Amino acid sequence: MTQTASYEIIRVFDVPREDVFAAWTTPERFARWFGPRFMAAPVDRIVLDARPGGRWQVTLTAEEGFEVTFDGAYREVAPPGRFVFTIGDPGSPGPASVVTVELADAGGRTAMTFHEHGAGEESRRGWMEFFDRLGELLAG
């Protein structure tokens, strides 16, 4: 995979941007949408220190003891409108990718623009599923 690839995903949620920001930065909410449907994100395996220089980490679990951990660092955090963080798999030899999330007020709704630099199509497909789950959480 080419590490210089990048892509953008835009989603609109029928909730204020403070709610979307909280879903990204509160472990109890993050646990309900981050990851593919066949995996769980136990709250006690999530760290979200949402401040510039703070670390984040989540370990996803599945049947038969399968686990995968993602982590990174927050580069920018400007609630409730923007945050930038790195994301990587600690076991991966490649550099971490950089994610920018912008949350724009759309008249009580939120337009989320997600941009990832340093990852390709497989990552984009994964985030699309995650954001389907995020939409379900925010609608529920």
N, C-alpha and C. Protein backbone atom coordinates (compact mmCIF):
# COMPACT_ATOMS: atom_id res chain seq x y z
N MET A 1 0.85 -1.18 0.00
CA MET A 1 0.00 0.00 0.00
C MET A 1 0.89 1.24 0.00
N THR A 2 0.55 2.20 -0.79
CA THR A 2 1.28 3.45 -0.86
C THR A 2 0.90 4.32 0.33
N GLN A 3 1.88 4.77 1.08
CA GLN A 3 1.62 5.57 2.27
C GLN A 3 1.31 7.02 1.95
N THR A 4 1.36 7.42 0.68
CA THR A 4 1.05 8.80 0.35
C THR A 4 -0.39 8.96 -0.12
N ALA A 5 -1.14 7.87 -0.16
CA ALA A 5 -2.53 7.95 -0.57
C ALA A 5 -3.34 8.73 0.46
N SER A 6 -4.42 9.35 -0.01
CA SER A 6 -5.32 10.02 0.92
C SER A 6 -6.73 10.00 0.35
N TYR A 7 -7.69 10.23 1.20
CA TYR A 7 -9.09 10.22 0.78
C TYR A 7 -9.89 11.07 1.76
N GLU A 8 -11.13 11.34 1.38
CA GLU A 8 -12.02 12.13 2.21
C GLU A 8 -13.40 11.47 2.24
N ILE A 9 -14.05 11.53 3.40
CA ILE A 9 -15.40 11.02 3.59
C ILE A 9 -16.20 12.14 4.23
N ILE A 10 -17.39 12.40 3.70
CA ILE A 10 -18.26 13.42 4.27
C ILE A 10 -19.56 12.75 4.69
N ARG A 11 -19.97 13.00 5.92
CA ARG A 11 -21.23 12.49 6.45
C ARG A 11 -21.96 13.63 7.13
N VAL A 12 -23.29 13.59 7.06
CA VAL A 12 -24.12 14.58 7.77
C VAL A 12 -24.95 13.82 8.79
N PHE A 13 -24.91 14.30 10.04
CA PHE A 13 -25.64 13.68 11.13
C PHE A 13 -26.68 14.66 11.65
N ASP A 14 -27.83 14.16 12.04
CA ASP A 14 -28.95 14.99 12.50
C ASP A 14 -28.85 15.34 13.98
N VAL A 15 -27.67 15.68 14.42
CA VAL A 15 -27.43 16.09 15.80
C VAL A 15 -26.44 17.24 15.79
N PRO A 16 -26.41 18.04 16.88
CA PRO A 16 -25.42 19.12 16.97
C PRO A 16 -24.00 18.58 16.99
N ARG A 17 -23.07 19.40 16.57
CA ARG A 17 -21.68 18.94 16.47
C ARG A 17 -21.08 18.58 17.82
N GLU A 18 -21.59 19.14 18.92
CA GLU A 18 -21.11 18.76 20.24
C GLU A 18 -21.36 17.27 20.50
N ASP A 19 -22.48 16.75 19.99
CA ASP A 19 -22.78 15.33 20.15
C ASP A 19 -21.83 14.45 19.34
N VAL A 20 -21.50 14.91 18.14
CA VAL A 20 -20.57 14.14 17.30
C VAL A 20 -19.18 14.19 17.92
N PHE A 21 -18.76 15.36 18.39
CA PHE A 21 -17.46 15.49 19.04
C PHE A 21 -17.38 14.56 20.25
N ALA A 22 -18.44 14.52 21.06
CA ALA A 22 -18.46 13.65 22.25
C ALA A 22 -18.37 12.18 21.85
N ALA A 23 -18.96 11.79 20.72
CA ALA A 23 -18.89 10.40 20.26
C ALA A 23 -17.46 10.01 19.90
N TRP A 24 -16.66 10.99 19.51
CA TRP A 24 -15.25 10.75 19.18
C TRP A 24 -14.34 10.79 20.41
N THR A 25 -14.77 11.44 21.48
CA THR A 25 -13.85 11.72 22.59
C THR A 25 -14.27 11.15 23.93
N THR A 26 -15.41 10.47 24.00
CA THR A 26 -15.90 9.87 25.25
C THR A 26 -15.81 8.35 25.09
N PRO A 27 -15.00 7.67 25.91
CA PRO A 27 -14.82 6.22 25.73
C PRO A 27 -16.12 5.43 25.65
N GLU A 28 -17.11 5.74 26.50
CA GLU A 28 -18.37 4.99 26.49
C GLU A 28 -19.10 5.12 25.16
N ARG A 29 -19.02 6.27 24.53
CA ARG A 29 -19.66 6.46 23.22
C ARG A 29 -18.79 5.89 22.10
N PHE A 30 -17.51 6.15 22.17
CA PHE A 30 -16.56 5.67 21.16
C PHE A 30 -16.65 4.14 21.04
N ALA A 31 -16.80 3.46 22.18
CA ALA A 31 -16.86 2.00 22.21
C ALA A 31 -18.04 1.45 21.41
N ARG A 32 -19.07 2.26 21.25
CA ARG A 32 -20.29 1.78 20.59
C ARG A 32 -20.25 1.87 19.07
N TRP A 33 -19.24 2.55 18.51
CA TRP A 33 -19.20 2.67 17.05
C TRP A 33 -17.85 2.37 16.41
N PHE A 34 -16.76 2.48 17.15
CA PHE A 34 -15.45 2.31 16.53
C PHE A 34 -15.16 0.84 16.30
N GLY A 35 -14.86 0.50 15.07
CA GLY A 35 -14.51 -0.87 14.72
C GLY A 35 -15.56 -1.51 13.84
N PRO A 36 -15.19 -2.62 13.21
CA PRO A 36 -16.16 -3.35 12.38
C PRO A 36 -17.20 -4.03 13.27
N ARG A 37 -18.34 -4.35 12.69
CA ARG A 37 -19.46 -4.92 13.46
C ARG A 37 -19.11 -6.24 14.16
N PHE A 38 -18.18 -7.00 13.61
CA PHE A 38 -17.87 -8.30 14.21
C PHE A 38 -16.89 -8.20 15.37
N MET A 39 -16.47 -6.97 15.70
CA MET A 39 -15.53 -6.78 16.80
C MET A 39 -16.14 -5.85 17.85
N ALA A 40 -15.64 -5.97 19.06
CA ALA A 40 -16.07 -5.10 20.16
C ALA A 40 -14.91 -4.20 20.56
N ALA A 41 -15.26 -3.05 21.11
CA ALA A 41 -14.26 -2.12 21.65
C ALA A 41 -14.57 -1.95 23.13
N PRO A 42 -14.07 -2.86 23.99
CA PRO A 42 -14.38 -2.75 25.41
C PRO A 42 -13.92 -1.40 25.98
N VAL A 43 -14.79 -0.77 26.75
CA VAL A 43 -14.50 0.56 27.30
C VAL A 43 -13.21 0.54 28.12
N ASP A 44 -12.95 -0.55 28.82
CA ASP A 44 -11.74 -0.60 29.65
C ASP A 44 -10.46 -0.80 28.82
N ARG A 45 -10.62 -0.92 27.50
CA ARG A 45 -9.45 -1.04 26.61
C ARG A 45 -9.33 0.19 25.71
N ILE A 46 -9.94 1.31 26.13
CA ILE A 46 -9.92 2.55 25.37
C ILE A 46 -9.30 3.66 26.21
N VAL A 47 -8.38 4.40 25.61
CA VAL A 47 -7.80 5.61 26.21
C VAL A 47 -7.99 6.72 25.19
N LEU A 48 -8.65 7.81 25.60
CA LEU A 48 -8.86 8.97 24.73
C LEU A 48 -8.46 10.22 25.50
N ASP A 49 -7.21 10.60 25.41
CA ASP A 49 -6.70 11.80 26.08
C ASP A 49 -6.73 12.94 25.06
N ALA A 50 -7.95 13.43 24.80
CA ALA A 50 -8.20 14.37 23.70
C ALA A 50 -7.72 15.78 24.02
N ARG A 51 -6.42 15.95 23.83
CA ARG A 51 -5.77 17.26 23.98
C ARG A 51 -4.51 17.21 23.11
N PRO A 52 -4.03 18.35 22.65
CA PRO A 52 -2.81 18.32 21.84
C PRO A 52 -1.68 17.61 22.59
N GLY A 53 -1.10 16.62 21.93
CA GLY A 53 -0.04 15.82 22.55
C GLY A 53 -0.55 14.62 23.32
N GLY A 54 -1.86 14.55 23.56
CA GLY A 54 -2.45 13.42 24.27
C GLY A 54 -2.45 12.17 23.40
N ARG A 55 -2.47 11.03 24.04
CA ARG A 55 -2.49 9.75 23.32
C ARG A 55 -3.91 9.20 23.27
N TRP A 56 -4.14 8.35 22.27
CA TRP A 56 -5.38 7.59 22.21
C TRP A 56 -5.01 6.16 21.85
N GLN A 57 -5.82 5.23 22.31
CA GLN A 57 -5.58 3.82 22.00
C GLN A 57 -6.89 3.06 22.18
N VAL A 58 -7.13 2.11 21.28
CA VAL A 58 -8.28 1.22 21.41
C VAL A 58 -7.85 -0.18 20.99
N THR A 59 -8.26 -1.16 21.77
CA THR A 59 -8.03 -2.56 21.42
C THR A 59 -9.39 -3.16 21.08
N LEU A 60 -9.51 -3.62 19.85
CA LEU A 60 -10.73 -4.29 19.38
C LEU A 60 -10.58 -5.78 19.63
N THR A 61 -11.66 -6.41 20.07
CA THR A 61 -11.63 -7.84 20.36
C THR A 61 -12.69 -8.56 19.54
N ALA A 62 -12.42 -9.83 19.25
CA ALA A 62 -13.36 -10.67 18.51
C ALA A 62 -13.31 -12.07 19.11
N GLU A 63 -14.07 -12.96 18.48
CA GLU A 63 -14.13 -14.34 18.96
C GLU A 63 -12.77 -15.00 18.94
N GLU A 64 -12.64 -16.03 19.77
CA GLU A 64 -11.44 -16.86 19.84
C GLU A 64 -10.19 -16.07 20.22
N GLY A 65 -10.38 -14.97 20.96
CA GLY A 65 -9.25 -14.22 21.47
C GLY A 65 -8.55 -13.30 20.49
N PHE A 66 -9.09 -13.14 19.27
CA PHE A 66 -8.46 -12.25 18.30
C PHE A 66 -8.55 -10.81 18.79
N GLU A 67 -7.43 -10.07 18.71
CA GLU A 67 -7.39 -8.67 19.10
C GLU A 67 -6.56 -7.88 18.11
N VAL A 68 -6.92 -6.61 17.96
CA VAL A 68 -6.11 -5.68 17.19
C VAL A 68 -6.15 -4.33 17.91
N THR A 69 -4.99 -3.70 18.01
CA THR A 69 -4.89 -2.42 18.71
C THR A 69 -4.51 -1.33 17.73
N PHE A 70 -5.17 -0.19 17.87
CA PHE A 70 -4.83 1.01 17.11
C PHE A 70 -4.49 2.09 18.11
N ASP A 71 -3.54 2.93 17.74
CA ASP A 71 -3.21 4.03 18.64
C ASP A 71 -2.62 5.19 17.85
N GLY A 72 -2.42 6.26 18.57
CA GLY A 72 -1.85 7.44 17.96
C GLY A 72 -1.81 8.58 18.96
N ALA A 73 -1.59 9.76 18.42
CA ALA A 73 -1.50 10.97 19.25
C ALA A 73 -2.35 12.06 18.63
N TYR A 74 -2.94 12.86 19.50
CA TYR A 74 -3.69 14.03 19.03
C TYR A 74 -2.71 15.15 18.72
N ARG A 75 -2.83 15.72 17.54
CA ARG A 75 -2.00 16.87 17.15
C ARG A 75 -2.71 18.19 17.41
N GLU A 76 -4.02 18.21 17.14
CA GLU A 76 -4.85 19.39 17.39
C GLU A 76 -6.17 18.93 17.97
N VAL A 77 -6.69 19.71 18.90
CA VAL A 77 -8.03 19.46 19.44
C VAL A 77 -8.67 20.82 19.69
N ALA A 78 -9.72 21.12 18.93
CA ALA A 78 -10.43 22.40 19.05
C ALA A 78 -11.93 22.10 19.12
N PRO A 79 -12.43 21.75 20.33
CA PRO A 79 -13.84 21.39 20.46
C PRO A 79 -14.75 22.57 20.14
N PRO A 80 -15.90 22.32 19.57
CA PRO A 80 -16.37 21.02 19.07
C PRO A 80 -16.18 20.89 17.56
N GLY A 81 -15.22 21.65 16.98
CA GLY A 81 -15.19 21.73 15.53
C GLY A 81 -14.08 21.01 14.78
N ARG A 82 -12.98 20.66 15.45
CA ARG A 82 -11.88 20.10 14.68
C ARG A 82 -10.94 19.33 15.60
N PHE A 83 -10.41 18.24 15.06
CA PHE A 83 -9.30 17.56 15.70
C PHE A 83 -8.49 16.83 14.65
N VAL A 84 -7.22 16.69 14.96
CA VAL A 84 -6.26 16.03 14.08
C VAL A 84 -5.49 15.03 14.94
N PHE A 85 -5.37 13.81 14.42
CA PHE A 85 -4.65 12.79 15.18
C PHE A 85 -3.94 11.83 14.23
N THR A 86 -2.96 11.13 14.76
CA THR A 86 -2.31 10.06 14.00
C THR A 86 -2.98 8.75 14.37
N ILE A 87 -2.91 7.82 13.44
CA ILE A 87 -3.46 6.49 13.70
C ILE A 87 -2.54 5.45 13.07
N GLY A 88 -2.27 4.41 13.85
CA GLY A 88 -1.44 3.34 13.35
C GLY A 88 -1.71 2.07 14.12
N ASP A 89 -1.18 1.01 13.62
CA ASP A 89 -1.22 -0.29 14.28
C ASP A 89 0.17 -0.45 14.88
N PRO A 90 0.29 -0.54 16.22
CA PRO A 90 1.62 -0.60 16.84
C PRO A 90 2.52 -1.69 16.27
N GLY A 91 1.96 -2.75 15.69
CA GLY A 91 2.77 -3.81 15.12
C GLY A 91 3.16 -3.58 13.67
N SER A 92 2.66 -2.50 13.08
CA SER A 92 2.92 -2.23 11.67
C SER A 92 4.24 -1.50 11.50
N PRO A 93 5.03 -1.89 10.48
CA PRO A 93 6.31 -1.23 10.27
C PRO A 93 6.19 0.15 9.61
N GLY A 94 5.05 0.44 9.01
CA GLY A 94 4.90 1.70 8.28
C GLY A 94 4.61 2.88 9.20
N PRO A 95 4.72 4.08 8.66
CA PRO A 95 4.41 5.27 9.46
C PRO A 95 2.91 5.38 9.70
N ALA A 96 2.57 6.08 10.75
CA ALA A 96 1.15 6.32 11.06
C ALA A 96 0.56 7.25 10.02
N SER A 97 -0.73 7.10 9.78
CA SER A 97 -1.42 8.05 8.91
C SER A 97 -1.93 9.21 9.77
N VAL A 98 -2.33 10.29 9.10
CA VAL A 98 -2.81 11.48 9.80
C VAL A 98 -4.27 11.71 9.41
N VAL A 99 -5.12 11.85 10.42
CA VAL A 99 -6.55 12.05 10.23
C VAL A 99 -6.92 13.46 10.68
N THR A 100 -7.71 14.13 9.85
CA THR A 100 -8.29 15.43 10.22
C THR A 100 -9.80 15.28 10.17
N VAL A 101 -10.46 15.67 11.26
CA VAL A 101 -11.92 15.63 11.33
C VAL A 101 -12.41 17.05 11.57
N GLU A 102 -13.28 17.52 10.68
CA GLU A 102 -13.89 18.84 10.80
C GLU A 102 -15.38 18.64 11.01
N LEU A 103 -15.94 19.29 12.01
CA LEU A 103 -17.35 19.19 12.33
C LEU A 103 -17.98 20.56 12.15
N ALA A 104 -18.75 20.73 11.09
CA ALA A 104 -19.34 22.02 10.77
C ALA A 104 -20.81 22.04 11.16
N ASP A 105 -21.24 23.15 11.78
CA ASP A 105 -22.64 23.32 12.12
C ASP A 105 -23.44 23.50 10.84
N ALA A 106 -24.47 22.70 10.68
CA ALA A 106 -25.34 22.77 9.50
C ALA A 106 -26.77 22.96 9.97
N GLY A 107 -27.00 24.05 10.69
CA GLY A 107 -28.34 24.36 11.17
C GLY A 107 -28.88 23.35 12.15
N GLY A 108 -28.09 23.02 13.17
CA GLY A 108 -28.51 22.02 14.15
C GLY A 108 -28.10 20.60 13.79
N ARG A 109 -27.67 20.42 12.56
CA ARG A 109 -27.11 19.15 12.10
C ARG A 109 -25.59 19.32 12.05
N THR A 110 -24.89 18.25 11.79
CA THR A 110 -23.43 18.32 11.72
C THR A 110 -22.94 17.73 10.42
N ALA A 111 -22.16 18.50 9.69
CA ALA A 111 -21.46 18.00 8.51
C ALA A 111 -20.05 17.62 8.95
N MET A 112 -19.77 16.33 8.93
CA MET A 112 -18.45 15.82 9.32
C MET A 112 -17.63 15.55 8.08
N THR A 113 -16.49 16.20 7.99
CA THR A 113 -15.54 15.93 6.92
C THR A 113 -14.34 15.23 7.53
N PHE A 114 -14.09 14.01 7.06
CA PHE A 114 -13.01 13.16 7.56
C PHE A 114 -12.00 13.02 6.44
N HIS A 115 -10.75 13.34 6.73
CA HIS A 115 -9.69 13.22 5.73
C HIS A 115 -8.54 12.41 6.34
N GLU A 116 -8.10 11.38 5.63
CA GLU A 116 -6.96 10.59 6.09
C GLU A 116 -5.88 10.62 5.03
N HIS A 117 -4.69 11.00 5.47
CA HIS A 117 -3.52 11.03 4.59
C HIS A 117 -2.56 9.93 5.06
N GLY A 118 -2.17 9.09 4.12
CA GLY A 118 -1.24 8.02 4.45
C GLY A 118 -1.90 6.66 4.51
N ALA A 119 -3.10 6.55 3.99
CA ALA A 119 -3.81 5.26 3.97
C ALA A 119 -4.64 5.19 2.70
N GLY A 120 -4.97 3.98 2.31
CA GLY A 120 -5.66 3.80 1.04
C GLY A 120 -7.06 3.23 1.16
N GLU A 121 -7.45 2.50 0.14
CA GLU A 121 -8.82 2.02 -0.02
C GLU A 121 -9.29 1.11 1.11
N GLU A 122 -8.45 0.24 1.60
CA GLU A 122 -8.87 -0.66 2.68
C GLU A 122 -9.25 0.14 3.93
N SER A 123 -8.46 1.14 4.24
CA SER A 123 -8.77 1.99 5.38
C SER A 123 -10.07 2.75 5.15
N ARG A 124 -10.26 3.29 3.95
CA ARG A 124 -11.48 4.03 3.63
C ARG A 124 -12.71 3.16 3.82
N ARG A 125 -12.65 1.91 3.34
CA ARG A 125 -13.79 0.99 3.50
C ARG A 125 -14.08 0.73 4.97
N GLY A 126 -13.04 0.57 5.77
CA GLY A 126 -13.23 0.36 7.20
C GLY A 126 -13.91 1.54 7.86
N TRP A 127 -13.42 2.75 7.58
CA TRP A 127 -14.03 3.94 8.19
C TRP A 127 -15.48 4.11 7.73
N MET A 128 -15.79 3.76 6.50
CA MET A 128 -17.17 3.88 6.02
C MET A 128 -18.10 3.03 6.91
N GLU A 129 -17.68 1.80 7.23
CA GLU A 129 -18.48 0.96 8.11
C GLU A 129 -18.56 1.57 9.51
N PHE A 130 -17.44 2.08 10.02
CA PHE A 130 -17.43 2.71 11.34
C PHE A 130 -18.44 3.86 11.36
N PHE A 131 -18.46 4.67 10.30
CA PHE A 131 -19.34 5.84 10.27
C PHE A 131 -20.81 5.45 10.10
N ASP A 132 -21.08 4.30 9.47
CA ASP A 132 -22.45 3.77 9.47
C ASP A 132 -22.88 3.52 10.92
N ARG A 133 -21.99 2.90 11.69
CA ARG A 133 -22.27 2.63 13.10
C ARG A 133 -22.39 3.91 13.91
N LEU A 134 -21.54 4.91 13.61
CA LEU A 134 -21.63 6.20 14.30
C LEU A 134 -22.99 6.85 14.03
N GLY A 135 -23.44 6.79 12.78
CA GLY A 135 -24.73 7.35 12.43
C GLY A 135 -25.87 6.67 13.20
N GLU A 136 -25.78 5.35 13.35
CA GLU A 136 -26.79 4.60 14.10
C GLU A 136 -26.79 5.03 15.57
N LEU A 137 -25.60 5.18 16.15
CA LEU A 137 -25.50 5.62 17.54
C LEU A 137 -26.11 7.00 17.72
N LEU A 138 -25.77 7.93 16.83
CA LEU A 138 -26.25 9.30 16.96
C LEU A 138 -27.76 9.40 16.70
N ALA A 139 -28.30 8.51 15.87
CA ALA A 139 -29.74 8.53 15.58
C ALA A 139 -30.55 7.87 16.69
N GLY A 140 -29.88 7.02 17.49
CA GLY A 140 -30.58 6.24 18.50
C GLY A 140 -30.83 6.97 19.77
